[in-house]
Amino acid sequence: MERSYQKIDRRKTRIINIGNLKIGGDHPILVQTMTNTLTSDSNSTLDQIKRAVNLGADIVRVSVPDKESSLALKHITKKSEVPIIADIHFHYQRAIESAKNGAACLRINPGNIGSKEKIKEVIKAAKDYNCSIRIGVNGGSLEKKILEKYSEPNPDALVESALHNIRL
């Protein structure tokens, strides 16, 4: 069912699969929320996901800060009614584990992941497990080289970082 806020004039974008849903192009705008439970507590996380879905969430993002959380994704993704996005921060291995354990999408800040080789390992895992990737860039995740070039986080630095990582 299409909601009133989904009926707007939009810029045409590439279509991306997030689990069994599609975003971009002419597809309806989806509502995403994020849990605030410990993802490693899969039952509490699933309860919160269910409440969010009942309130209209189409996709849900969960934090994956540790191995216990990436392992819990196996249970969470099997039981969730909606696609799960794994929010990865500093450890590339959590992204690989999340893709293997059923995440529909990885949200990564490549500047926090580390080397180009580690980013390529994450990309390979995402391809191997049919998992989309959302690149996030913020002032706290700028690569050292870009931060040195601009002296401080600013819009030009964020764009350069995003474009650099998209090319990878």
N, C-alpha and C. Protein backbone atom coordinates (compact mmCIF):
# COMPACT_ATOMS: atom_id res chain seq x y z
N MET A 1 0.84 -1.18 0.00
CA MET A 1 0.00 0.00 0.00
C MET A 1 0.89 1.24 0.00
N GLU A 2 0.65 2.12 -0.93
CA GLU A 2 1.43 3.35 -1.01
C GLU A 2 0.88 4.39 -0.04
N ARG A 3 1.81 5.02 0.69
CA ARG A 3 1.43 6.04 1.67
C ARG A 3 1.50 7.42 1.03
N SER A 4 0.79 8.40 1.59
CA SER A 4 0.72 9.73 0.97
C SER A 4 2.10 10.36 0.78
N TYR A 5 3.02 10.20 1.72
CA TYR A 5 4.34 10.81 1.59
C TYR A 5 5.19 10.14 0.52
N GLN A 6 4.74 9.00 0.01
CA GLN A 6 5.48 8.31 -1.04
C GLN A 6 5.14 8.85 -2.43
N LYS A 7 4.11 9.69 -2.52
CA LYS A 7 3.65 10.22 -3.81
C LYS A 7 4.22 11.61 -4.01
N ILE A 8 5.49 11.71 -4.38
CA ILE A 8 6.13 13.00 -4.62
C ILE A 8 6.94 12.92 -5.90
N ASP A 9 7.26 14.06 -6.47
CA ASP A 9 8.16 14.10 -7.62
C ASP A 9 9.57 13.89 -7.12
N ARG A 10 10.26 12.92 -7.72
CA ARG A 10 11.59 12.60 -7.25
C ARG A 10 12.58 12.55 -8.39
N ARG A 11 13.82 12.73 -8.05
CA ARG A 11 14.91 12.58 -8.99
C ARG A 11 15.08 11.09 -9.26
N LYS A 12 15.28 10.72 -10.51
CA LYS A 12 15.46 9.31 -10.87
C LYS A 12 16.81 8.82 -10.36
N THR A 13 16.79 7.70 -9.70
CA THR A 13 18.01 7.13 -9.16
C THR A 13 18.11 5.66 -9.54
N ARG A 14 19.27 5.10 -9.31
CA ARG A 14 19.51 3.68 -9.57
C ARG A 14 18.64 2.85 -8.63
N ILE A 15 18.18 1.73 -9.10
CA ILE A 15 17.37 0.82 -8.28
C ILE A 15 18.31 -0.14 -7.55
N ILE A 16 18.10 -0.24 -6.24
CA ILE A 16 18.92 -1.10 -5.38
C ILE A 16 18.00 -2.08 -4.66
N ASN A 17 18.43 -3.33 -4.56
CA ASN A 17 17.69 -4.33 -3.79
C ASN A 17 18.14 -4.29 -2.34
N ILE A 18 17.17 -4.25 -1.46
CA ILE A 18 17.41 -4.40 -0.01
C ILE A 18 16.55 -5.59 0.40
N GLY A 19 17.15 -6.76 0.39
CA GLY A 19 16.38 -7.98 0.64
C GLY A 19 15.36 -8.14 -0.48
N ASN A 20 14.10 -8.31 -0.12
CA ASN A 20 13.04 -8.50 -1.11
C ASN A 20 12.41 -7.17 -1.53
N LEU A 21 12.95 -6.06 -1.08
CA LEU A 21 12.43 -4.74 -1.43
C LEU A 21 13.37 -4.04 -2.39
N LYS A 22 12.85 -3.06 -3.08
CA LYS A 22 13.65 -2.25 -3.99
C LYS A 22 13.52 -0.79 -3.58
N ILE A 23 14.64 -0.07 -3.65
CA ILE A 23 14.61 1.38 -3.43
C ILE A 23 15.17 2.05 -4.66
N GLY A 24 14.79 3.30 -4.87
CA GLY A 24 15.27 4.04 -6.02
C GLY A 24 14.34 3.90 -7.20
N GLY A 25 14.68 4.58 -8.29
CA GLY A 25 13.84 4.56 -9.48
C GLY A 25 12.46 5.07 -9.14
N ASP A 26 11.44 4.36 -9.58
CA ASP A 26 10.05 4.73 -9.31
C ASP A 26 9.46 3.98 -8.11
N HIS A 27 10.30 3.24 -7.39
CA HIS A 27 9.79 2.46 -6.26
C HIS A 27 9.38 3.38 -5.11
N PRO A 28 8.42 2.95 -4.32
CA PRO A 28 7.96 3.78 -3.20
C PRO A 28 9.10 4.08 -2.21
N ILE A 29 9.03 5.23 -1.59
CA ILE A 29 9.97 5.59 -0.53
C ILE A 29 9.71 4.66 0.65
N LEU A 30 10.78 4.15 1.22
CA LEU A 30 10.67 3.23 2.34
C LEU A 30 11.04 3.95 3.64
N VAL A 31 10.42 3.52 4.72
CA VAL A 31 10.72 4.06 6.04
C VAL A 31 11.75 3.15 6.70
N GLN A 32 12.85 3.76 7.13
CA GLN A 32 13.88 3.02 7.86
C GLN A 32 13.97 3.57 9.27
N THR A 33 14.18 2.68 10.21
CA THR A 33 14.46 3.09 11.58
C THR A 33 15.62 2.24 12.06
N MET A 34 16.08 2.54 13.28
CA MET A 34 17.19 1.79 13.85
C MET A 34 16.83 1.39 15.27
N THR A 35 17.22 0.18 15.63
CA THR A 35 16.98 -0.29 16.99
C THR A 35 17.96 0.38 17.94
N ASN A 36 17.60 0.40 19.22
CA ASN A 36 18.53 0.88 20.24
C ASN A 36 18.79 -0.19 21.29
N THR A 37 18.48 -1.42 20.94
CA THR A 37 18.78 -2.56 21.81
C THR A 37 20.20 -3.04 21.53
N LEU A 38 20.73 -3.87 22.40
CA LEU A 38 21.97 -4.56 22.09
C LEU A 38 21.60 -5.63 21.07
N THR A 39 22.19 -5.57 19.91
CA THR A 39 21.86 -6.53 18.85
C THR A 39 22.17 -7.95 19.30
N SER A 40 23.16 -8.11 20.14
CA SER A 40 23.48 -9.45 20.65
C SER A 40 22.33 -10.05 21.46
N ASP A 41 21.43 -9.21 21.96
CA ASP A 41 20.20 -9.67 22.62
C ASP A 41 19.14 -9.80 21.53
N SER A 42 19.18 -10.91 20.83
CA SER A 42 18.34 -11.06 19.64
C SER A 42 16.85 -10.99 19.95
N ASN A 43 16.42 -11.50 21.08
CA ASN A 43 14.99 -11.47 21.39
C ASN A 43 14.50 -10.04 21.62
N SER A 44 15.24 -9.24 22.38
CA SER A 44 14.85 -7.84 22.58
C SER A 44 14.89 -7.07 21.27
N THR A 45 15.89 -7.36 20.46
CA THR A 45 16.02 -6.68 19.17
C THR A 45 14.86 -7.05 18.27
N LEU A 46 14.49 -8.32 18.23
CA LEU A 46 13.35 -8.75 17.42
C LEU A 46 12.04 -8.13 17.92
N ASP A 47 11.88 -8.02 19.23
CA ASP A 47 10.68 -7.37 19.78
C ASP A 47 10.61 -5.92 19.31
N GLN A 48 11.75 -5.23 19.36
CA GLN A 48 11.75 -3.83 18.92
C GLN A 48 11.51 -3.72 17.41
N ILE A 49 12.07 -4.62 16.64
CA ILE A 49 11.83 -4.63 15.19
C ILE A 49 10.34 -4.82 14.92
N LYS A 50 9.72 -5.75 15.61
CA LYS A 50 8.28 -6.02 15.41
C LYS A 50 7.46 -4.76 15.73
N ARG A 51 7.79 -4.07 16.82
CA ARG A 51 7.07 -2.83 17.16
C ARG A 51 7.27 -1.78 16.08
N ALA A 52 8.48 -1.67 15.57
CA ALA A 52 8.76 -0.69 14.51
C ALA A 52 7.98 -1.01 13.24
N VAL A 53 7.92 -2.28 12.89
CA VAL A 53 7.17 -2.71 11.70
C VAL A 53 5.68 -2.40 11.89
N ASN A 54 5.16 -2.66 13.08
CA ASN A 54 3.75 -2.36 13.35
C ASN A 54 3.45 -0.87 13.25
N LEU A 55 4.47 -0.04 13.44
CA LEU A 55 4.30 1.42 13.33
C LEU A 55 4.63 1.94 11.93
N GLY A 56 5.02 1.04 11.02
CA GLY A 56 5.22 1.45 9.63
C GLY A 56 6.62 1.35 9.07
N ALA A 57 7.57 0.83 9.82
CA ALA A 57 8.93 0.69 9.30
C ALA A 57 8.97 -0.39 8.22
N ASP A 58 9.70 -0.10 7.16
CA ASP A 58 9.85 -1.05 6.05
C ASP A 58 11.18 -1.80 6.11
N ILE A 59 12.20 -1.14 6.64
CA ILE A 59 13.52 -1.73 6.82
C ILE A 59 14.05 -1.26 8.17
N VAL A 60 14.89 -2.08 8.79
CA VAL A 60 15.40 -1.74 10.12
C VAL A 60 16.91 -1.93 10.14
N ARG A 61 17.58 -0.95 10.73
CA ARG A 61 19.04 -0.99 10.87
C ARG A 61 19.37 -1.37 12.31
N VAL A 62 20.35 -2.25 12.46
CA VAL A 62 20.81 -2.66 13.78
C VAL A 62 22.32 -2.45 13.86
N SER A 63 22.80 -2.09 15.02
CA SER A 63 24.22 -1.87 15.23
C SER A 63 24.95 -3.20 15.37
N VAL A 64 26.12 -3.29 14.75
CA VAL A 64 26.92 -4.51 14.83
C VAL A 64 28.34 -4.14 15.29
N PRO A 65 28.47 -3.87 16.60
CA PRO A 65 29.77 -3.44 17.11
C PRO A 65 30.71 -4.57 17.50
N ASP A 66 30.18 -5.80 17.60
CA ASP A 66 31.01 -6.90 18.09
C ASP A 66 30.58 -8.22 17.44
N LYS A 67 31.40 -9.25 17.65
CA LYS A 67 31.13 -10.55 17.04
C LYS A 67 29.81 -11.15 17.52
N GLU A 68 29.47 -10.94 18.80
CA GLU A 68 28.21 -11.47 19.32
C GLU A 68 27.02 -10.91 18.55
N SER A 69 27.11 -9.64 18.19
CA SER A 69 26.02 -9.01 17.43
C SER A 69 25.95 -9.54 16.01
N SER A 70 27.10 -9.73 15.37
CA SER A 70 27.06 -10.27 14.01
C SER A 70 26.55 -11.71 14.01
N LEU A 71 26.87 -12.47 15.03
CA LEU A 71 26.34 -13.83 15.13
C LEU A 71 24.83 -13.82 15.40
N ALA A 72 24.36 -12.87 16.21
CA ALA A 72 22.92 -12.77 16.50
C ALA A 72 22.12 -12.45 15.23
N LEU A 73 22.76 -11.84 14.25
CA LEU A 73 22.05 -11.51 13.00
C LEU A 73 21.47 -12.75 12.33
N LYS A 74 22.13 -13.88 12.47
CA LYS A 74 21.63 -15.11 11.85
C LYS A 74 20.21 -15.41 12.33
N HIS A 75 19.97 -15.28 13.61
CA HIS A 75 18.63 -15.49 14.19
C HIS A 75 17.69 -14.33 13.84
N ILE A 76 18.19 -13.12 13.97
CA ILE A 76 17.36 -11.93 13.74
C ILE A 76 16.87 -11.88 12.30
N THR A 77 17.75 -12.11 11.35
CA THR A 77 17.36 -12.01 9.94
C THR A 77 16.37 -13.10 9.53
N LYS A 78 16.48 -14.26 10.16
CA LYS A 78 15.52 -15.35 9.85
C LYS A 78 14.13 -15.05 10.40
N LYS A 79 14.06 -14.36 11.52
CA LYS A 79 12.78 -14.11 12.19
C LYS A 79 12.14 -12.77 11.83
N SER A 80 12.91 -11.85 11.28
CA SER A 80 12.39 -10.52 10.98
C SER A 80 11.49 -10.52 9.75
N GLU A 81 10.41 -9.75 9.82
CA GLU A 81 9.49 -9.60 8.68
C GLU A 81 10.05 -8.66 7.63
N VAL A 82 11.04 -7.85 8.00
CA VAL A 82 11.58 -6.83 7.10
C VAL A 82 13.08 -7.04 6.94
N PRO A 83 13.64 -6.51 5.85
CA PRO A 83 15.09 -6.60 5.66
C PRO A 83 15.84 -5.88 6.78
N ILE A 84 16.98 -6.43 7.14
CA ILE A 84 17.82 -5.88 8.20
C ILE A 84 19.10 -5.30 7.59
N ILE A 85 19.40 -4.08 8.00
CA ILE A 85 20.63 -3.40 7.60
C ILE A 85 21.59 -3.46 8.78
N ALA A 86 22.80 -3.96 8.54
CA ALA A 86 23.82 -4.04 9.58
C ALA A 86 24.65 -2.77 9.57
N ASP A 87 24.64 -2.05 10.67
CA ASP A 87 25.39 -0.80 10.82
C ASP A 87 26.77 -1.15 11.38
N ILE A 88 27.77 -1.02 10.52
CA ILE A 88 29.13 -1.42 10.85
C ILE A 88 29.95 -0.17 11.14
N HIS A 89 30.77 -0.25 12.17
CA HIS A 89 31.59 0.91 12.49
C HIS A 89 33.06 0.65 12.18
N PHE A 90 33.79 0.09 13.05
CA PHE A 90 35.24 0.10 12.87
C PHE A 90 35.87 -1.21 12.39
N HIS A 91 35.17 -2.30 12.46
CA HIS A 91 35.83 -3.57 12.17
C HIS A 91 35.27 -4.22 10.92
N TYR A 92 36.09 -4.32 9.90
CA TYR A 92 35.64 -4.88 8.63
C TYR A 92 35.13 -6.31 8.77
N GLN A 93 35.68 -7.06 9.73
CA GLN A 93 35.26 -8.45 9.90
C GLN A 93 33.79 -8.53 10.30
N ARG A 94 33.29 -7.54 11.05
CA ARG A 94 31.87 -7.52 11.42
C ARG A 94 31.00 -7.39 10.17
N ALA A 95 31.46 -6.64 9.19
CA ALA A 95 30.71 -6.50 7.93
C ALA A 95 30.66 -7.83 7.19
N ILE A 96 31.78 -8.51 7.12
CA ILE A 96 31.82 -9.81 6.43
C ILE A 96 30.91 -10.81 7.14
N GLU A 97 30.99 -10.85 8.47
CA GLU A 97 30.14 -11.76 9.25
C GLU A 97 28.66 -11.41 9.06
N SER A 98 28.35 -10.12 9.02
CA SER A 98 26.96 -9.69 8.86
C SER A 98 26.40 -10.11 7.52
N ALA A 99 27.19 -9.98 6.47
CA ALA A 99 26.75 -10.42 5.14
C ALA A 99 26.49 -11.93 5.17
N LYS A 100 27.40 -12.68 5.75
CA LYS A 100 27.25 -14.14 5.83
C LYS A 100 26.03 -14.54 6.66
N ASN A 101 25.70 -13.73 7.66
CA ASN A 101 24.61 -14.07 8.58
C ASN A 101 23.26 -13.48 8.20
N GLY A 102 23.14 -13.00 6.97
CA GLY A 102 21.82 -12.67 6.45
C GLY A 102 21.44 -11.21 6.35
N ALA A 103 22.34 -10.29 6.66
CA ALA A 103 22.00 -8.87 6.50
C ALA A 103 21.65 -8.60 5.04
N ALA A 104 20.61 -7.81 4.83
CA ALA A 104 20.21 -7.44 3.47
C ALA A 104 21.08 -6.31 2.93
N CYS A 105 21.68 -5.55 3.85
CA CYS A 105 22.49 -4.40 3.47
C CYS A 105 23.51 -4.12 4.57
N LEU A 106 24.67 -3.65 4.18
CA LEU A 106 25.69 -3.20 5.12
C LEU A 106 25.78 -1.69 5.04
N ARG A 107 25.75 -1.02 6.17
CA ARG A 107 25.98 0.42 6.21
C ARG A 107 27.37 0.59 6.78
N ILE A 108 28.31 1.05 5.92
CA ILE A 108 29.69 1.19 6.35
C ILE A 108 30.19 2.61 6.11
N ASN A 109 31.14 3.02 6.93
CA ASN A 109 31.93 4.22 6.71
C ASN A 109 33.31 3.71 6.31
N PRO A 110 33.60 3.67 5.02
CA PRO A 110 34.87 3.06 4.59
C PRO A 110 36.09 3.68 5.26
N GLY A 111 36.03 4.96 5.59
CA GLY A 111 37.16 5.59 6.28
C GLY A 111 37.43 4.96 7.62
N ASN A 112 36.43 4.35 8.22
CA ASN A 112 36.61 3.65 9.50
C ASN A 112 36.97 2.19 9.32
N ILE A 113 36.79 1.65 8.13
CA ILE A 113 37.04 0.23 7.89
C ILE A 113 38.54 -0.04 7.80
N GLY A 114 39.28 0.88 7.20
CA GLY A 114 40.73 0.69 7.11
C GLY A 114 41.21 0.67 5.69
N SER A 115 42.05 -0.26 5.38
CA SER A 115 42.75 -0.30 4.11
C SER A 115 41.82 -0.62 2.94
N LYS A 116 42.33 -0.32 1.77
CA LYS A 116 41.62 -0.65 0.52
C LYS A 116 41.38 -2.16 0.43
N GLU A 117 42.34 -2.95 0.89
CA GLU A 117 42.21 -4.41 0.84
C GLU A 117 41.05 -4.88 1.72
N LYS A 118 40.91 -4.28 2.90
CA LYS A 118 39.82 -4.66 3.80
C LYS A 118 38.47 -4.26 3.20
N ILE A 119 38.42 -3.09 2.59
CA ILE A 119 37.18 -2.65 1.94
C ILE A 119 36.82 -3.61 0.81
N LYS A 120 37.81 -4.04 0.05
CA LYS A 120 37.55 -5.00 -1.04
C LYS A 120 37.07 -6.34 -0.50
N GLU A 121 37.54 -6.76 0.67
CA GLU A 121 37.04 -8.00 1.28
C GLU A 121 35.57 -7.85 1.66
N VAL A 122 35.20 -6.68 2.17
CA VAL A 122 33.80 -6.41 2.51
C VAL A 122 32.95 -6.45 1.24
N ILE A 123 33.43 -5.82 0.18
CA ILE A 123 32.69 -5.81 -1.09
C ILE A 123 32.51 -7.23 -1.62
N LYS A 124 33.56 -8.04 -1.53
CA LYS A 124 33.46 -9.44 -2.00
C LYS A 124 32.41 -10.20 -1.20
N ALA A 125 32.42 -10.05 0.12
CA ALA A 125 31.42 -10.74 0.95
C ALA A 125 30.02 -10.27 0.59
N ALA A 126 29.85 -8.97 0.38
CA ALA A 126 28.53 -8.44 0.01
C ALA A 126 28.06 -9.06 -1.31
N LYS A 127 28.95 -9.16 -2.27
CA LYS A 127 28.59 -9.78 -3.55
C LYS A 127 28.27 -11.26 -3.36
N ASP A 128 29.10 -11.96 -2.60
CA ASP A 128 28.92 -13.39 -2.39
C ASP A 128 27.59 -13.72 -1.71
N TYR A 129 27.11 -12.82 -0.85
CA TYR A 129 25.90 -13.08 -0.08
C TYR A 129 24.73 -12.18 -0.48
N ASN A 130 24.81 -11.59 -1.67
CA ASN A 130 23.72 -10.78 -2.22
C ASN A 130 23.27 -9.70 -1.23
N CYS A 131 24.23 -8.95 -0.76
CA CYS A 131 24.00 -7.95 0.27
C CYS A 131 24.39 -6.58 -0.29
N SER A 132 23.49 -5.64 -0.22
CA SER A 132 23.79 -4.29 -0.70
C SER A 132 24.73 -3.59 0.27
N ILE A 133 25.32 -2.49 -0.19
CA ILE A 133 26.17 -1.67 0.67
C ILE A 133 25.71 -0.22 0.58
N ARG A 134 25.57 0.40 1.74
CA ARG A 134 25.30 1.83 1.82
C ARG A 134 26.55 2.47 2.39
N ILE A 135 27.12 3.41 1.65
CA ILE A 135 28.31 4.10 2.10
C ILE A 135 27.89 5.31 2.92
N GLY A 136 28.40 5.40 4.13
CA GLY A 136 28.16 6.55 4.97
C GLY A 136 29.46 7.32 5.13
N VAL A 137 29.38 8.62 5.10
CA VAL A 137 30.56 9.45 5.32
C VAL A 137 30.15 10.55 6.28
N ASN A 138 30.96 10.73 7.31
CA ASN A 138 30.74 11.85 8.22
C ASN A 138 32.08 12.36 8.72
N GLY A 139 32.04 13.45 9.44
CA GLY A 139 33.28 14.08 9.90
C GLY A 139 34.16 13.16 10.71
N GLY A 140 33.57 12.23 11.42
CA GLY A 140 34.35 11.32 12.24
C GLY A 140 34.92 10.13 11.49
N SER A 141 34.57 10.00 10.22
CA SER A 141 35.05 8.83 9.47
C SER A 141 35.90 9.20 8.26
N LEU A 142 36.34 10.44 8.20
CA LEU A 142 37.17 10.83 7.06
C LEU A 142 38.53 10.15 7.13
N GLU A 143 39.03 9.76 5.97
CA GLU A 143 40.34 9.15 5.89
C GLU A 143 41.38 10.18 6.32
N LYS A 144 42.45 9.68 6.93
CA LYS A 144 43.51 10.57 7.45
C LYS A 144 44.06 11.49 6.36
N LYS A 145 44.28 10.94 5.18
CA LYS A 145 44.84 11.70 4.06
C LYS A 145 43.92 12.87 3.67
N ILE A 146 42.62 12.61 3.62
CA ILE A 146 41.65 13.66 3.25
C ILE A 146 41.53 14.69 4.36
N LEU A 147 41.54 14.24 5.60
CA LEU A 147 41.46 15.16 6.73
C LEU A 147 42.69 16.07 6.77
N GLU A 148 43.85 15.53 6.47
CA GLU A 148 45.07 16.35 6.42
C GLU A 148 44.98 17.38 5.29
N LYS A 149 44.44 16.98 4.16
CA LYS A 149 44.32 17.89 3.02
C LYS A 149 43.43 19.09 3.33
N TYR A 150 42.31 18.85 4.03
CA TYR A 150 41.33 19.91 4.29
C TYR A 150 41.45 20.52 5.69
N SER A 151 42.31 19.99 6.53
CA SER A 151 42.54 20.47 7.90
C SER A 151 41.41 20.18 8.87
N GLU A 152 40.19 20.06 8.37
CA GLU A 152 39.04 19.80 9.24
C GLU A 152 37.91 19.21 8.39
N PRO A 153 36.97 18.55 9.03
CA PRO A 153 35.81 18.05 8.27
C PRO A 153 35.03 19.22 7.67
N ASN A 154 34.71 19.11 6.40
CA ASN A 154 33.88 20.11 5.72
C ASN A 154 33.20 19.43 4.54
N PRO A 155 32.25 20.11 3.91
CA PRO A 155 31.51 19.47 2.80
C PRO A 155 32.40 18.95 1.68
N ASP A 156 33.44 19.71 1.30
CA ASP A 156 34.31 19.25 0.22
C ASP A 156 35.04 17.96 0.61
N ALA A 157 35.47 17.88 1.85
CA ALA A 157 36.16 16.67 2.33
C ALA A 157 35.20 15.48 2.33
N LEU A 158 33.96 15.70 2.76
CA LEU A 158 32.98 14.62 2.78
C LEU A 158 32.69 14.11 1.38
N VAL A 159 32.54 15.02 0.43
CA VAL A 159 32.26 14.63 -0.96
C VAL A 159 33.45 13.86 -1.53
N GLU A 160 34.66 14.37 -1.30
CA GLU A 160 35.84 13.67 -1.81
C GLU A 160 35.94 12.26 -1.24
N SER A 161 35.68 12.11 0.04
CA SER A 161 35.72 10.79 0.67
C SER A 161 34.66 9.87 0.07
N ALA A 162 33.45 10.38 -0.07
CA ALA A 162 32.37 9.56 -0.63
C ALA A 162 32.70 9.12 -2.04
N LEU A 163 33.16 10.03 -2.88
CA LEU A 163 33.49 9.69 -4.27
C LEU A 163 34.65 8.70 -4.34
N HIS A 164 35.64 8.90 -3.51
CA HIS A 164 36.78 7.97 -3.47
C HIS A 164 36.29 6.55 -3.15
N ASN A 165 35.43 6.44 -2.15
CA ASN A 165 34.98 5.12 -1.72
C ASN A 165 33.98 4.50 -2.70
N ILE A 166 33.20 5.31 -3.37
CA ILE A 166 32.30 4.79 -4.40
C ILE A 166 33.12 4.18 -5.53
N ARG A 167 34.24 4.83 -5.89
CA ARG A 167 35.09 4.29 -6.96
C ARG A 167 35.66 2.93 -6.58
N LEU A 168 35.95 2.74 -5.30
CA LEU A 168 36.45 1.42 -4.87
C LEU A 168 35.42 0.35 -5.17
